[in-house]
ModelCIF file with pLDDT and N, C-alpha, C, O atoms, coordinates in Angstrom:
data_MODEL
#
_entry.id   MODEL 
#
_entity.id                         1 
_entity.type                       polymer 
_entity.pdbx_number_of_molecules   1 
#
_entity_poly.entity_id                      1 
_entity_poly.type                           'polypeptide(L)' 
_entity_poly.nstd_linkage                   no 
_entity_poly.nstd_monomer                   no 
_entity_poly.pdbx_seq_one_letter_code       IAERMHPLDVPKLMRVLSQPDVVTAIAFASAEEDVASSEFLLENMSN 
_entity_poly.pdbx_seq_one_letter_code_can   IAERMHPLDVPKLMRVLSQPDVVTAIAFASAEEDVASSEFLLENMSN 
_entity_poly.pdbx_strand_id                 A 
#
loop_
_entity_poly_seq.entity_id 
_entity_poly_seq.num 
_entity_poly_seq.mon_id 
_entity_poly_seq.hetero 
1 1  ILE n 
1 2  ALA n 
1 3  GLU n 
1 4  ARG n 
1 5  MET n 
1 6  HIS n 
1 7  PRO n 
1 8  LEU n 
1 9  ASP n 
1 10 VAL n 
1 11 PRO n 
1 12 LYS n 
1 13 LEU n 
1 14 MET n 
1 15 ARG n 
1 16 VAL n 
1 17 LEU n 
1 18 SER n 
1 19 GLN n 
1 20 PRO n 
1 21 ASP n 
1 22 VAL n 
1 23 VAL n 
1 24 THR n 
1 25 ALA n 
1 26 ILE n 
1 27 ALA n 
1 28 PHE n 
1 29 ALA n 
1 30 SER n 
1 31 ALA n 
1 32 GLU n 
1 33 GLU n 
1 34 ASP n 
1 35 VAL n 
1 36 ALA n 
1 37 SER n 
1 38 SER n 
1 39 GLU n 
1 40 PHE n 
1 41 LEU n 
1 42 LEU n 
1 43 GLU n 
1 44 ASN n 
1 45 MET n 
1 46 SER n 
1 47 ASN n 
#
_struct_asym.id          A 
_struct_asym.entity_id   1 
#
loop_
_ma_qa_metric.id 
_ma_qa_metric.mode 
_ma_qa_metric.name 
_ma_qa_metric.software_group_id 
_ma_qa_metric.type 
1 global pLDDT . pLDDT 
2 local  pLDDT . pLDDT 
#
_ma_qa_metric_global.metric_id      1 
_ma_qa_metric_global.metric_value   94.02 
_ma_qa_metric_global.model_id       1 
_ma_qa_metric_global.ordinal_id     1 
#
loop_
_ma_qa_metric_local.label_asym_id 
_ma_qa_metric_local.label_comp_id 
_ma_qa_metric_local.label_seq_id 
_ma_qa_metric_local.metric_id 
_ma_qa_metric_local.metric_value 
_ma_qa_metric_local.model_id 
_ma_qa_metric_local.ordinal_id 
A ILE 1  2 93.00 1 1  
A ALA 2  2 92.00 1 2  
A GLU 3  2 90.00 1 3  
A ARG 4  2 88.00 1 4  
A MET 5  2 92.00 1 5  
A HIS 6  2 93.00 1 6  
A PRO 7  2 94.00 1 7  
A LEU 8  2 94.00 1 8  
A ASP 9  2 94.00 1 9  
A VAL 10 2 95.00 1 10 
A PRO 11 2 94.00 1 11 
A LYS 12 2 94.00 1 12 
A LEU 13 2 95.00 1 13 
A MET 14 2 95.00 1 14 
A ARG 15 2 94.00 1 15 
A VAL 16 2 94.00 1 16 
A LEU 17 2 95.00 1 17 
A SER 18 2 94.00 1 18 
A GLN 19 2 94.00 1 19 
A PRO 20 2 94.00 1 20 
A ASP 21 2 95.00 1 21 
A VAL 22 2 95.00 1 22 
A VAL 23 2 96.00 1 23 
A THR 24 2 95.00 1 24 
A ALA 25 2 95.00 1 25 
A ILE 26 2 95.00 1 26 
A ALA 27 2 95.00 1 27 
A PHE 28 2 95.00 1 28 
A ALA 29 2 94.00 1 29 
A SER 30 2 92.00 1 30 
A ALA 31 2 91.00 1 31 
A GLU 32 2 93.00 1 32 
A GLU 33 2 91.00 1 33 
A ASP 34 2 93.00 1 34 
A VAL 35 2 95.00 1 35 
A ALA 36 2 95.00 1 36 
A SER 37 2 95.00 1 37 
A SER 38 2 95.00 1 38 
A GLU 39 2 96.00 1 39 
A PHE 40 2 96.00 1 40 
A LEU 41 2 96.00 1 41 
A LEU 42 2 96.00 1 42 
A GLU 43 2 95.00 1 43 
A ASN 44 2 95.00 1 44 
A MET 45 2 95.00 1 45 
A SER 46 2 93.00 1 46 
A ASN 47 2 94.00 1 47 
#
loop_
_atom_site.group_PDB 
_atom_site.id 
_atom_site.type_symbol 
_atom_site.label_atom_id 
_atom_site.label_alt_id 
_atom_site.label_comp_id 
_atom_site.label_asym_id 
_atom_site.label_entity_id 
_atom_site.label_seq_id 
_atom_site.pdbx_PDB_ins_code 
_atom_site.Cartn_x 
_atom_site.Cartn_y 
_atom_site.Cartn_z 
_atom_site.occupancy 
_atom_site.B_iso_or_equiv 
_atom_site.pdbx_formal_charge 
_atom_site.auth_seq_id 
_atom_site.auth_comp_id 
_atom_site.auth_asym_id 
_atom_site.auth_atom_id 
_atom_site.pdbx_PDB_model_num 
ATOM 1   N N  . ILE A 1 1  ? 118.140 37.193 280.269 1.00 93.00 ? 1  ILE A N  1 
ATOM 2   C CA . ILE A 1 1  ? 118.942 38.499 281.369 1.00 93.00 ? 1  ILE A CA 1 
ATOM 3   C C  . ILE A 1 1  ? 120.257 37.433 282.110 1.00 93.00 ? 1  ILE A C  1 
ATOM 4   O O  . ILE A 1 1  ? 121.470 37.510 281.918 1.00 93.00 ? 1  ILE A O  1 
ATOM 5   N N  . ALA A 1 2  ? 119.507 36.483 282.976 1.00 92.00 ? 2  ALA A N  1 
ATOM 6   C CA . ALA A 1 2  ? 120.639 35.763 283.675 1.00 92.00 ? 2  ALA A CA 1 
ATOM 7   C C  . ALA A 1 2  ? 121.518 35.045 282.685 1.00 92.00 ? 2  ALA A C  1 
ATOM 8   O O  . ALA A 1 2  ? 122.617 34.640 283.065 1.00 92.00 ? 2  ALA A O  1 
ATOM 9   N N  . GLU A 1 3  ? 121.139 34.865 281.500 1.00 90.00 ? 3  GLU A N  1 
ATOM 10  C CA . GLU A 1 3  ? 122.585 33.974 280.612 1.00 90.00 ? 3  GLU A CA 1 
ATOM 11  C C  . GLU A 1 3  ? 123.399 34.865 279.914 1.00 90.00 ? 3  GLU A C  1 
ATOM 12  O O  . GLU A 1 3  ? 124.461 34.683 279.318 1.00 90.00 ? 3  GLU A O  1 
ATOM 13  N N  . ARG A 1 4  ? 122.422 36.293 280.168 1.00 88.00 ? 4  ARG A N  1 
ATOM 14  C CA . ARG A 1 4  ? 123.691 37.170 278.885 1.00 88.00 ? 4  ARG A CA 1 
ATOM 15  C C  . ARG A 1 4  ? 124.217 38.115 279.866 1.00 88.00 ? 4  ARG A C  1 
ATOM 16  O O  . ARG A 1 4  ? 125.393 38.255 279.529 1.00 88.00 ? 4  ARG A O  1 
ATOM 17  N N  . MET A 1 5  ? 124.043 38.694 280.686 1.00 92.00 ? 5  MET A N  1 
ATOM 18  C CA . MET A 1 5  ? 124.209 40.136 281.402 1.00 92.00 ? 5  MET A CA 1 
ATOM 19  C C  . MET A 1 5  ? 125.208 39.356 282.437 1.00 92.00 ? 5  MET A C  1 
ATOM 20  O O  . MET A 1 5  ? 125.067 38.186 282.793 1.00 92.00 ? 5  MET A O  1 
ATOM 21  N N  . HIS A 1 6  ? 126.389 40.374 282.901 1.00 93.00 ? 6  HIS A N  1 
ATOM 22  C CA . HIS A 1 6  ? 127.349 40.159 283.398 1.00 93.00 ? 6  HIS A CA 1 
ATOM 23  C C  . HIS A 1 6  ? 127.085 40.339 285.175 1.00 93.00 ? 6  HIS A C  1 
ATOM 24  O O  . HIS A 1 6  ? 126.639 41.454 285.443 1.00 93.00 ? 6  HIS A O  1 
ATOM 25  N N  . PRO A 1 7  ? 127.258 39.578 286.192 1.00 94.00 ? 7  PRO A N  1 
ATOM 26  C CA . PRO A 1 7  ? 126.630 40.322 287.096 1.00 94.00 ? 7  PRO A CA 1 
ATOM 27  C C  . PRO A 1 7  ? 127.269 41.398 287.489 1.00 94.00 ? 7  PRO A C  1 
ATOM 28  O O  . PRO A 1 7  ? 126.661 42.046 288.340 1.00 94.00 ? 7  PRO A O  1 
ATOM 29  N N  . LEU A 1 8  ? 128.463 41.881 287.104 1.00 94.00 ? 8  LEU A N  1 
ATOM 30  C CA . LEU A 1 8  ? 129.042 43.463 287.919 1.00 94.00 ? 8  LEU A CA 1 
ATOM 31  C C  . LEU A 1 8  ? 128.208 44.420 287.182 1.00 94.00 ? 8  LEU A C  1 
ATOM 32  O O  . LEU A 1 8  ? 128.210 45.566 287.630 1.00 94.00 ? 8  LEU A O  1 
ATOM 33  N N  . ASP A 1 9  ? 127.554 44.201 286.227 1.00 94.00 ? 9  ASP A N  1 
ATOM 34  C CA . ASP A 1 9  ? 126.556 45.368 285.447 1.00 94.00 ? 9  ASP A CA 1 
ATOM 35  C C  . ASP A 1 9  ? 125.309 45.328 285.664 1.00 94.00 ? 9  ASP A C  1 
ATOM 36  O O  . ASP A 1 9  ? 124.593 46.202 285.174 1.00 94.00 ? 9  ASP A O  1 
ATOM 37  N N  . VAL A 1 10 ? 124.814 44.383 286.387 1.00 95.00 ? 10 VAL A N  1 
ATOM 38  C CA . VAL A 1 10 ? 123.371 44.862 287.487 1.00 95.00 ? 10 VAL A CA 1 
ATOM 39  C C  . VAL A 1 10 ? 123.393 45.497 288.026 1.00 95.00 ? 10 VAL A C  1 
ATOM 40  O O  . VAL A 1 10 ? 122.215 45.658 288.343 1.00 95.00 ? 10 VAL A O  1 
ATOM 41  N N  . PRO A 1 11 ? 124.215 46.480 288.738 1.00 94.00 ? 11 PRO A N  1 
ATOM 42  C CA . PRO A 1 11 ? 124.226 47.741 289.288 1.00 94.00 ? 11 PRO A CA 1 
ATOM 43  C C  . PRO A 1 11 ? 123.590 48.728 287.758 1.00 94.00 ? 11 PRO A C  1 
ATOM 44  O O  . PRO A 1 11 ? 122.380 48.791 287.540 1.00 94.00 ? 11 PRO A O  1 
ATOM 45  N N  . LYS A 1 12 ? 124.354 49.240 287.077 1.00 94.00 ? 12 LYS A N  1 
ATOM 46  C CA . LYS A 1 12 ? 124.741 50.134 286.554 1.00 94.00 ? 12 LYS A CA 1 
ATOM 47  C C  . LYS A 1 12 ? 123.226 49.838 285.619 1.00 94.00 ? 12 LYS A C  1 
ATOM 48  O O  . LYS A 1 12 ? 122.477 50.814 285.645 1.00 94.00 ? 12 LYS A O  1 
ATOM 49  N N  . LEU A 1 13 ? 122.842 48.957 285.031 1.00 95.00 ? 13 LEU A N  1 
ATOM 50  C CA . LEU A 1 13 ? 121.184 48.531 285.023 1.00 95.00 ? 13 LEU A CA 1 
ATOM 51  C C  . LEU A 1 13 ? 120.311 49.038 285.918 1.00 95.00 ? 13 LEU A C  1 
ATOM 52  O O  . LEU A 1 13 ? 119.249 49.479 285.481 1.00 95.00 ? 13 LEU A O  1 
ATOM 53  N N  . MET A 1 14 ? 120.558 49.075 287.233 1.00 95.00 ? 14 MET A N  1 
ATOM 54  C CA . MET A 1 14 ? 119.411 49.144 288.150 1.00 95.00 ? 14 MET A CA 1 
ATOM 55  C C  . MET A 1 14 ? 119.541 50.720 288.260 1.00 95.00 ? 14 MET A C  1 
ATOM 56  O O  . MET A 1 14 ? 118.495 51.338 288.454 1.00 95.00 ? 14 MET A O  1 
ATOM 57  N N  . ARG A 1 15 ? 120.817 51.479 288.145 1.00 94.00 ? 15 ARG A N  1 
ATOM 58  C CA . ARG A 1 15 ? 120.642 52.979 288.326 1.00 94.00 ? 15 ARG A CA 1 
ATOM 59  C C  . ARG A 1 15 ? 119.435 53.818 286.988 1.00 94.00 ? 15 ARG A C  1 
ATOM 60  O O  . ARG A 1 15 ? 118.731 54.827 287.030 1.00 94.00 ? 15 ARG A O  1 
ATOM 61  N N  . VAL A 1 16 ? 119.666 52.923 286.077 1.00 94.00 ? 16 VAL A N  1 
ATOM 62  C CA . VAL A 1 16 ? 118.243 53.646 284.960 1.00 94.00 ? 16 VAL A CA 1 
ATOM 63  C C  . VAL A 1 16 ? 117.472 53.286 284.992 1.00 94.00 ? 16 VAL A C  1 
ATOM 64  O O  . VAL A 1 16 ? 116.753 53.850 284.167 1.00 94.00 ? 16 VAL A O  1 
ATOM 65  N N  . LEU A 1 17 ? 116.713 52.161 285.758 1.00 95.00 ? 17 LEU A N  1 
ATOM 66  C CA . LEU A 1 17 ? 115.550 51.565 285.833 1.00 95.00 ? 17 LEU A CA 1 
ATOM 67  C C  . LEU A 1 17 ? 114.500 52.319 287.167 1.00 95.00 ? 17 LEU A C  1 
ATOM 68  O O  . LEU A 1 17 ? 114.947 52.658 288.263 1.00 95.00 ? 17 LEU A O  1 
ATOM 69  N N  . SER A 1 18 ? 113.220 52.440 286.783 1.00 94.00 ? 18 SER A N  1 
ATOM 70  C CA . SER A 1 18 ? 112.754 52.455 288.121 1.00 94.00 ? 18 SER A CA 1 
ATOM 71  C C  . SER A 1 18 ? 112.350 51.851 288.693 1.00 94.00 ? 18 SER A C  1 
ATOM 72  O O  . SER A 1 18 ? 111.682 51.022 288.074 1.00 94.00 ? 18 SER A O  1 
ATOM 73  N N  . GLN A 1 19 ? 112.342 51.642 290.513 1.00 94.00 ? 19 GLN A N  1 
ATOM 74  C CA . GLN A 1 19 ? 111.947 50.838 291.045 1.00 94.00 ? 19 GLN A CA 1 
ATOM 75  C C  . GLN A 1 19 ? 110.536 49.885 290.983 1.00 94.00 ? 19 GLN A C  1 
ATOM 76  O O  . GLN A 1 19 ? 110.298 48.694 291.187 1.00 94.00 ? 19 GLN A O  1 
ATOM 77  N N  . PRO A 1 20 ? 109.698 51.130 290.568 1.00 94.00 ? 20 PRO A N  1 
ATOM 78  C CA . PRO A 1 20 ? 108.354 50.293 290.685 1.00 94.00 ? 20 PRO A CA 1 
ATOM 79  C C  . PRO A 1 20 ? 108.580 49.195 289.317 1.00 94.00 ? 20 PRO A C  1 
ATOM 80  O O  . PRO A 1 20 ? 108.333 48.031 289.631 1.00 94.00 ? 20 PRO A O  1 
ATOM 81  N N  . ASP A 1 21 ? 108.927 49.353 288.133 1.00 95.00 ? 21 ASP A N  1 
ATOM 82  C CA . ASP A 1 21 ? 109.579 48.639 286.727 1.00 95.00 ? 21 ASP A CA 1 
ATOM 83  C C  . ASP A 1 21 ? 109.495 47.567 287.342 1.00 95.00 ? 21 ASP A C  1 
ATOM 84  O O  . ASP A 1 21 ? 108.601 46.728 287.238 1.00 95.00 ? 21 ASP A O  1 
ATOM 85  N N  . VAL A 1 22 ? 111.056 47.525 288.472 1.00 95.00 ? 22 VAL A N  1 
ATOM 86  C CA . VAL A 1 22 ? 111.345 46.029 288.772 1.00 95.00 ? 22 VAL A CA 1 
ATOM 87  C C  . VAL A 1 22 ? 110.592 45.331 289.283 1.00 95.00 ? 22 VAL A C  1 
ATOM 88  O O  . VAL A 1 22 ? 110.347 44.155 289.014 1.00 95.00 ? 22 VAL A O  1 
ATOM 89  N N  . VAL A 1 23 ? 109.916 46.346 290.499 1.00 96.00 ? 23 VAL A N  1 
ATOM 90  C CA . VAL A 1 23 ? 108.903 45.312 291.453 1.00 96.00 ? 23 VAL A CA 1 
ATOM 91  C C  . VAL A 1 23 ? 107.850 44.513 290.504 1.00 96.00 ? 23 VAL A C  1 
ATOM 92  O O  . VAL A 1 23 ? 107.591 43.339 290.767 1.00 96.00 ? 23 VAL A O  1 
ATOM 93  N N  . THR A 1 24 ? 107.178 45.249 289.268 1.00 95.00 ? 24 THR A N  1 
ATOM 94  C CA . THR A 1 24 ? 106.305 44.987 288.458 1.00 95.00 ? 24 THR A CA 1 
ATOM 95  C C  . THR A 1 24 ? 107.084 43.517 287.777 1.00 95.00 ? 24 THR A C  1 
ATOM 96  O O  . THR A 1 24 ? 106.632 42.389 287.975 1.00 95.00 ? 24 THR A O  1 
ATOM 97  N N  . ALA A 1 25 ? 107.988 43.728 287.178 1.00 95.00 ? 25 ALA A N  1 
ATOM 98  C CA . ALA A 1 25 ? 108.817 42.593 286.680 1.00 95.00 ? 25 ALA A CA 1 
ATOM 99  C C  . ALA A 1 25 ? 108.869 41.438 287.253 1.00 95.00 ? 25 ALA A C  1 
ATOM 100 O O  . ALA A 1 25 ? 108.391 40.454 286.688 1.00 95.00 ? 25 ALA A O  1 
ATOM 101 N N  . ILE A 1 26 ? 109.460 41.354 288.474 1.00 95.00 ? 26 ILE A N  1 
ATOM 102 C CA . ILE A 1 26 ? 109.540 40.390 289.045 1.00 95.00 ? 26 ILE A CA 1 
ATOM 103 C C  . ILE A 1 26 ? 108.621 40.004 289.960 1.00 95.00 ? 26 ILE A C  1 
ATOM 104 O O  . ILE A 1 26 ? 108.843 38.876 290.399 1.00 95.00 ? 26 ILE A O  1 
ATOM 105 N N  . ALA A 1 27 ? 107.519 40.628 290.467 1.00 95.00 ? 27 ALA A N  1 
ATOM 106 C CA . ALA A 1 27 ? 106.134 39.798 290.992 1.00 95.00 ? 27 ALA A CA 1 
ATOM 107 C C  . ALA A 1 27 ? 105.178 39.271 289.413 1.00 95.00 ? 27 ALA A C  1 
ATOM 108 O O  . ALA A 1 27 ? 104.192 38.537 289.480 1.00 95.00 ? 27 ALA A O  1 
ATOM 109 N N  . PHE A 1 28 ? 105.536 39.630 288.562 1.00 95.00 ? 28 PHE A N  1 
ATOM 110 C CA . PHE A 1 28 ? 104.812 38.716 287.080 1.00 95.00 ? 28 PHE A CA 1 
ATOM 111 C C  . PHE A 1 28 ? 105.815 37.901 286.945 1.00 95.00 ? 28 PHE A C  1 
ATOM 112 O O  . PHE A 1 28 ? 105.486 36.875 286.349 1.00 95.00 ? 28 PHE A O  1 
ATOM 113 N N  . ALA A 1 29 ? 106.706 37.935 287.202 1.00 94.00 ? 29 ALA A N  1 
ATOM 114 C CA . ALA A 1 29 ? 107.548 36.753 286.448 1.00 94.00 ? 29 ALA A CA 1 
ATOM 115 C C  . ALA A 1 29 ? 107.254 35.371 287.121 1.00 94.00 ? 29 ALA A C  1 
ATOM 116 O O  . ALA A 1 29 ? 107.098 35.279 288.339 1.00 94.00 ? 29 ALA A O  1 
ATOM 117 N N  . SER A 1 30 ? 107.183 34.259 286.241 1.00 92.00 ? 30 SER A N  1 
ATOM 118 C CA . SER A 1 30 ? 106.756 32.862 286.507 1.00 92.00 ? 30 SER A CA 1 
ATOM 119 C C  . SER A 1 30 ? 106.932 32.218 285.674 1.00 92.00 ? 30 SER A C  1 
ATOM 120 O O  . SER A 1 30 ? 106.602 31.118 286.118 1.00 92.00 ? 30 SER A O  1 
ATOM 121 N N  . ALA A 1 31 ? 107.332 32.045 284.407 1.00 91.00 ? 31 ALA A N  1 
ATOM 122 C CA . ALA A 1 31 ? 107.928 30.773 283.801 1.00 91.00 ? 31 ALA A CA 1 
ATOM 123 C C  . ALA A 1 31 ? 109.752 30.466 284.652 1.00 91.00 ? 31 ALA A C  1 
ATOM 124 O O  . ALA A 1 31 ? 110.096 31.105 285.646 1.00 91.00 ? 31 ALA A O  1 
ATOM 125 N N  . GLU A 1 32 ? 110.400 29.701 284.171 1.00 93.00 ? 32 GLU A N  1 
ATOM 126 C CA . GLU A 1 32 ? 111.324 29.430 284.968 1.00 93.00 ? 32 GLU A CA 1 
ATOM 127 C C  . GLU A 1 32 ? 112.215 30.450 284.553 1.00 93.00 ? 32 GLU A C  1 
ATOM 128 O O  . GLU A 1 32 ? 112.766 31.084 285.453 1.00 93.00 ? 32 GLU A O  1 
ATOM 129 N N  . GLU A 1 33 ? 112.501 30.771 283.245 1.00 91.00 ? 33 GLU A N  1 
ATOM 130 C CA . GLU A 1 33 ? 113.813 31.121 282.655 1.00 91.00 ? 33 GLU A CA 1 
ATOM 131 C C  . GLU A 1 33 ? 113.414 32.766 282.935 1.00 91.00 ? 33 GLU A C  1 
ATOM 132 O O  . GLU A 1 33 ? 114.409 33.483 282.825 1.00 91.00 ? 33 GLU A O  1 
ATOM 133 N N  . ASP A 1 34 ? 112.251 33.448 283.248 1.00 93.00 ? 34 ASP A N  1 
ATOM 134 C CA . ASP A 1 34 ? 112.296 34.589 284.095 1.00 93.00 ? 34 ASP A CA 1 
ATOM 135 C C  . ASP A 1 34 ? 112.033 34.793 285.650 1.00 93.00 ? 34 ASP A C  1 
ATOM 136 O O  . ASP A 1 34 ? 112.050 35.845 286.289 1.00 93.00 ? 34 ASP A O  1 
ATOM 137 N N  . VAL A 1 35 ? 111.822 33.691 286.015 1.00 95.00 ? 35 VAL A N  1 
ATOM 138 C CA . VAL A 1 35 ? 112.403 33.958 287.645 1.00 95.00 ? 35 VAL A CA 1 
ATOM 139 C C  . VAL A 1 35 ? 113.715 33.614 288.020 1.00 95.00 ? 35 VAL A C  1 
ATOM 140 O O  . VAL A 1 35 ? 114.212 33.879 289.114 1.00 95.00 ? 35 VAL A O  1 
ATOM 141 N N  . ALA A 1 36 ? 114.487 32.785 286.734 1.00 95.00 ? 36 ALA A N  1 
ATOM 142 C CA . ALA A 1 36 ? 115.863 33.081 287.217 1.00 95.00 ? 36 ALA A CA 1 
ATOM 143 C C  . ALA A 1 36 ? 116.445 34.011 286.955 1.00 95.00 ? 36 ALA A C  1 
ATOM 144 O O  . ALA A 1 36 ? 117.502 34.068 287.584 1.00 95.00 ? 36 ALA A O  1 
ATOM 145 N N  . SER A 1 37 ? 116.215 35.123 286.058 1.00 95.00 ? 37 SER A N  1 
ATOM 146 C CA . SER A 1 37 ? 116.806 36.562 285.677 1.00 95.00 ? 37 SER A CA 1 
ATOM 147 C C  . SER A 1 37 ? 116.225 37.229 286.740 1.00 95.00 ? 37 SER A C  1 
ATOM 148 O O  . SER A 1 37 ? 116.812 38.258 287.073 1.00 95.00 ? 37 SER A O  1 
ATOM 149 N N  . SER A 1 38 ? 114.742 36.780 287.677 1.00 95.00 ? 38 SER A N  1 
ATOM 150 C CA . SER A 1 38 ? 114.748 37.941 288.720 1.00 95.00 ? 38 SER A CA 1 
ATOM 151 C C  . SER A 1 38 ? 115.543 37.884 290.054 1.00 95.00 ? 38 SER A C  1 
ATOM 152 O O  . SER A 1 38 ? 115.907 38.819 290.766 1.00 95.00 ? 38 SER A O  1 
ATOM 153 N N  . GLU A 1 39 ? 115.767 36.174 290.252 1.00 96.00 ? 39 GLU A N  1 
ATOM 154 C CA . GLU A 1 39 ? 117.012 35.630 291.207 1.00 96.00 ? 39 GLU A CA 1 
ATOM 155 C C  . GLU A 1 39 ? 118.144 36.425 290.750 1.00 96.00 ? 39 GLU A C  1 
ATOM 156 O O  . GLU A 1 39 ? 118.813 36.875 291.680 1.00 96.00 ? 39 GLU A O  1 
ATOM 157 N N  . PHE A 1 40 ? 118.482 36.678 289.765 1.00 96.00 ? 40 PHE A N  1 
ATOM 158 C CA . PHE A 1 40 ? 119.812 37.239 288.948 1.00 96.00 ? 40 PHE A CA 1 
ATOM 159 C C  . PHE A 1 40 ? 119.903 38.336 289.582 1.00 96.00 ? 40 PHE A C  1 
ATOM 160 O O  . PHE A 1 40 ? 120.830 38.672 290.319 1.00 96.00 ? 40 PHE A O  1 
ATOM 161 N N  . LEU A 1 41 ? 118.981 38.913 289.331 1.00 96.00 ? 41 LEU A N  1 
ATOM 162 C CA . LEU A 1 41 ? 118.980 40.430 289.520 1.00 96.00 ? 41 LEU A CA 1 
ATOM 163 C C  . LEU A 1 41 ? 119.105 40.808 290.639 1.00 96.00 ? 41 LEU A C  1 
ATOM 164 O O  . LEU A 1 41 ? 119.941 41.696 290.806 1.00 96.00 ? 41 LEU A O  1 
ATOM 165 N N  . LEU A 1 42 ? 118.462 40.385 291.657 1.00 96.00 ? 42 LEU A N  1 
ATOM 166 C CA . LEU A 1 42 ? 118.242 40.468 293.113 1.00 96.00 ? 42 LEU A CA 1 
ATOM 167 C C  . LEU A 1 42 ? 119.502 39.733 293.778 1.00 96.00 ? 42 LEU A C  1 
ATOM 168 O O  . LEU A 1 42 ? 119.850 40.178 294.872 1.00 96.00 ? 42 LEU A O  1 
ATOM 169 N N  . GLU A 1 43 ? 120.039 38.935 293.383 1.00 95.00 ? 43 GLU A N  1 
ATOM 170 C CA . GLU A 1 43 ? 121.143 38.663 294.099 1.00 95.00 ? 43 GLU A CA 1 
ATOM 171 C C  . GLU A 1 43 ? 122.640 39.603 293.616 1.00 95.00 ? 43 GLU A C  1 
ATOM 172 O O  . GLU A 1 43 ? 123.671 39.555 294.288 1.00 95.00 ? 43 GLU A O  1 
ATOM 173 N N  . ASN A 1 44 ? 122.508 40.393 292.398 1.00 95.00 ? 44 ASN A N  1 
ATOM 174 C CA . ASN A 1 44 ? 123.085 41.218 292.144 1.00 95.00 ? 44 ASN A CA 1 
ATOM 175 C C  . ASN A 1 44 ? 123.106 42.716 292.285 1.00 95.00 ? 44 ASN A C  1 
ATOM 176 O O  . ASN A 1 44 ? 123.669 43.537 291.562 1.00 95.00 ? 44 ASN A O  1 
ATOM 177 N N  . MET A 1 45 ? 122.454 42.885 293.252 1.00 95.00 ? 45 MET A N  1 
ATOM 178 C CA . MET A 1 45 ? 121.957 44.595 293.753 1.00 95.00 ? 45 MET A CA 1 
ATOM 179 C C  . MET A 1 45 ? 122.724 44.006 294.968 1.00 95.00 ? 45 MET A C  1 
ATOM 180 O O  . MET A 1 45 ? 123.094 42.888 295.326 1.00 95.00 ? 45 MET A O  1 
ATOM 181 N N  . SER A 1 46 ? 122.807 45.626 295.562 1.00 93.00 ? 46 SER A N  1 
ATOM 182 C CA . SER A 1 46 ? 122.984 45.872 296.881 1.00 93.00 ? 46 SER A CA 1 
ATOM 183 C C  . SER A 1 46 ? 121.502 45.213 297.573 1.00 93.00 ? 46 SER A C  1 
ATOM 184 O O  . SER A 1 46 ? 120.314 45.192 297.254 1.00 93.00 ? 46 SER A O  1 
ATOM 185 N N  . ASN A 1 47 ? 122.505 44.608 298.913 1.00 94.00 ? 47 ASN A N  1 
ATOM 186 C CA . ASN A 1 47 ? 121.616 44.022 299.786 1.00 94.00 ? 47 ASN A CA 1 
ATOM 187 C C  . ASN A 1 47 ? 120.139 45.198 299.907 1.00 94.00 ? 47 ASN A C  1 
ATOM 188 O O  . ASN A 1 47 ? 119.184 44.916 300.630 1.00 94.00 ? 47 ASN A O  1 
#
């Protein structure tokens, strides 16, 4: 996600996702690339 997605498109993605799924994915992420994608999503959504 962090490599392929535009930062400005993150809010569009968040609008169609349920927050529990996002929480579960971020909590589950452990591999380096998965953690980088989690941080990418968090940094480009609303504070």
